[in-house]
Amino acid sequence: MSIESLRLLQGVEVKARVRIYGPTNSYIPIPSFVRYLGFDDKVQAIVVKGGLTHMYEATFRRLSTSRFGITLPRRVIEALNLANNDEVTVIILRPVTGEYTIRRGAA
């Protein structure tokens, strides 16, 4: 697992191997420090495999005391034709929590 880029306030891009152990136990492992960058329990995830892309709302999971992952629904597994240990790129985006207006020349 490697982190390709880190864009604060936007998201994190991670390359990882998916873990598929059954219809209700599928996830993408992520580095533990990502959980502490201010992400909520629900995040937007974009999964890329080859030329295929799928975006969905994911939930953080605590896999053990020091490991985290995000959920991987069956519809994503089927849409991307994923198998256990397939390498994917996942982009985890922070939800927009506020709306800001930028004014030019405001005093």
Protein backbone atom coordinates (compact mmCIF):
# COMPACT_ATOMS: atom_id res chain seq x y z
CA MET A 1 0.00 0.00 0.00
CA SER A 2 1.42 3.38 -0.94
CA ILE A 3 0.19 6.92 -0.83
CA GLU A 4 0.54 8.62 -4.18
CA SER A 5 -0.60 12.08 -3.19
CA LEU A 6 -2.01 14.01 -0.30
CA ARG A 7 -4.11 17.08 -0.89
CA LEU A 8 -5.22 18.58 2.37
CA LEU A 9 -8.85 19.73 2.51
CA GLN A 10 -9.58 17.81 -0.68
CA GLY A 11 -8.66 14.17 -0.44
CA VAL A 12 -6.14 11.38 -0.36
CA GLU A 13 -5.14 9.06 -3.17
CA VAL A 14 -4.09 5.55 -2.13
CA LYS A 15 -3.06 2.49 -4.11
CA ALA A 16 -4.10 -0.67 -2.31
CA ARG A 17 -5.21 -4.26 -2.82
CA VAL A 18 -8.89 -4.87 -2.19
CA ARG A 19 -9.97 -7.44 0.38
CA ILE A 20 -13.06 -9.44 -0.53
CA TYR A 21 -14.02 -12.08 2.03
CA GLY A 22 -17.76 -12.28 1.40
CA PRO A 23 -20.77 -10.15 0.53
CA THR A 24 -20.70 -8.27 3.83
CA ASN A 25 -16.97 -8.26 4.54
CA SER A 26 -15.27 -6.40 1.71
CA TYR A 27 -13.04 -3.37 2.17
CA ILE A 28 -10.11 -1.35 0.86
CA PRO A 29 -7.30 -0.95 3.42
CA ILE A 30 -6.03 2.58 3.96
CA PRO A 31 -3.14 3.99 6.02
CA SER A 32 -4.20 4.63 9.61
CA PHE A 33 -3.14 8.29 9.62
CA VAL A 34 -5.74 9.10 6.95
CA ARG A 35 -8.48 8.59 9.54
CA TYR A 36 -7.01 11.37 11.66
CA LEU A 37 -6.87 14.02 8.91
CA GLY A 38 -10.36 15.23 9.76
CA PHE A 39 -12.40 12.82 7.69
CA ASP A 40 -15.86 11.94 8.97
CA ASP A 41 -17.20 8.38 9.16
CA LYS A 42 -18.84 8.86 5.74
CA VAL A 43 -16.67 9.86 2.78
CA GLN A 44 -16.93 9.95 -0.99
CA ALA A 45 -14.67 7.35 -2.59
CA ILE A 46 -13.62 7.09 -6.22
CA VAL A 47 -12.24 3.66 -7.10
CA VAL A 48 -10.19 3.28 -10.28
CA LYS A 49 -9.18 -0.05 -11.81
CA GLY A 50 -7.69 0.05 -15.27
CA GLY A 51 -9.88 2.37 -17.31
CA LEU A 52 -12.96 1.88 -15.12
CA THR A 53 -14.03 4.32 -12.41
CA HIS A 54 -16.79 4.11 -9.81
CA MET A 55 -17.78 6.72 -7.21
CA TYR A 56 -19.77 5.90 -4.08
CA GLU A 57 -20.29 6.89 -0.45
CA ALA A 58 -18.06 4.80 1.80
CA THR A 59 -17.81 4.30 5.54
CA PHE A 60 -14.58 4.09 7.53
CA ARG A 61 -14.08 0.75 9.31
CA ARG A 62 -11.68 -0.06 12.12
CA LEU A 63 -10.17 -3.39 11.10
CA SER A 64 -7.99 -3.80 14.18
CA THR A 65 -6.46 -1.53 16.79
CA SER A 66 -4.08 0.05 14.27
CA ARG A 67 -5.64 -0.66 10.85
CA PHE A 68 -8.43 1.09 8.98
CA GLY A 69 -10.30 0.53 5.76
CA ILE A 70 -13.30 1.79 3.82
CA THR A 71 -16.30 -0.31 2.91
CA LEU A 72 -16.52 -1.86 -0.54
CA PRO A 73 -20.14 -2.54 -1.57
CA ARG A 74 -21.08 -5.41 -3.84
CA ARG A 75 -22.27 -3.03 -6.58
CA VAL A 76 -18.74 -1.58 -6.83
CA ILE A 77 -17.19 -5.06 -6.88
CA GLU A 78 -19.49 -6.06 -9.74
CA ALA A 79 -19.18 -2.76 -11.65
CA LEU A 80 -15.36 -2.92 -11.66
CA ASN A 81 -15.19 -6.73 -11.88
CA LEU A 82 -12.98 -6.86 -8.76
CA ALA A 83 -11.45 -9.97 -7.24
CA ASN A 84 -9.63 -10.43 -3.94
CA ASN A 85 -6.15 -8.82 -4.01
CA ASP A 86 -6.82 -6.73 -7.15
CA GLU A 87 -4.83 -3.51 -7.03
CA VAL A 88 -6.92 -0.36 -7.27
CA THR A 89 -6.42 3.35 -6.83
CA VAL A 90 -8.89 4.91 -4.43
CA ILE A 91 -9.38 8.64 -3.98
CA ILE A 92 -11.01 9.47 -0.66
CA LEU A 93 -12.68 12.89 -0.68
CA ARG A 94 -13.73 14.94 2.29
CA PRO A 95 -17.36 16.04 2.17
CA VAL A 96 -17.98 19.75 1.75
CA THR A 97 -18.95 21.02 5.19
CA GLY A 98 -19.54 24.65 4.36
CA GLU A 99 -20.15 27.02 1.53
CA TYR A 100 -17.84 29.96 1.07
CA THR A 101 -18.17 33.07 -1.04
CA ILE A 102 -14.99 34.68 -2.28
CA ARG A 103 -15.35 38.34 -3.14
CA ARG A 104 -12.86 40.21 -5.20
CA GLY A 105 -11.64 43.44 -3.64
CA ALA A 106 -13.83 43.12 -0.55
CA ALA A 107 -12.73 45.28 2.34
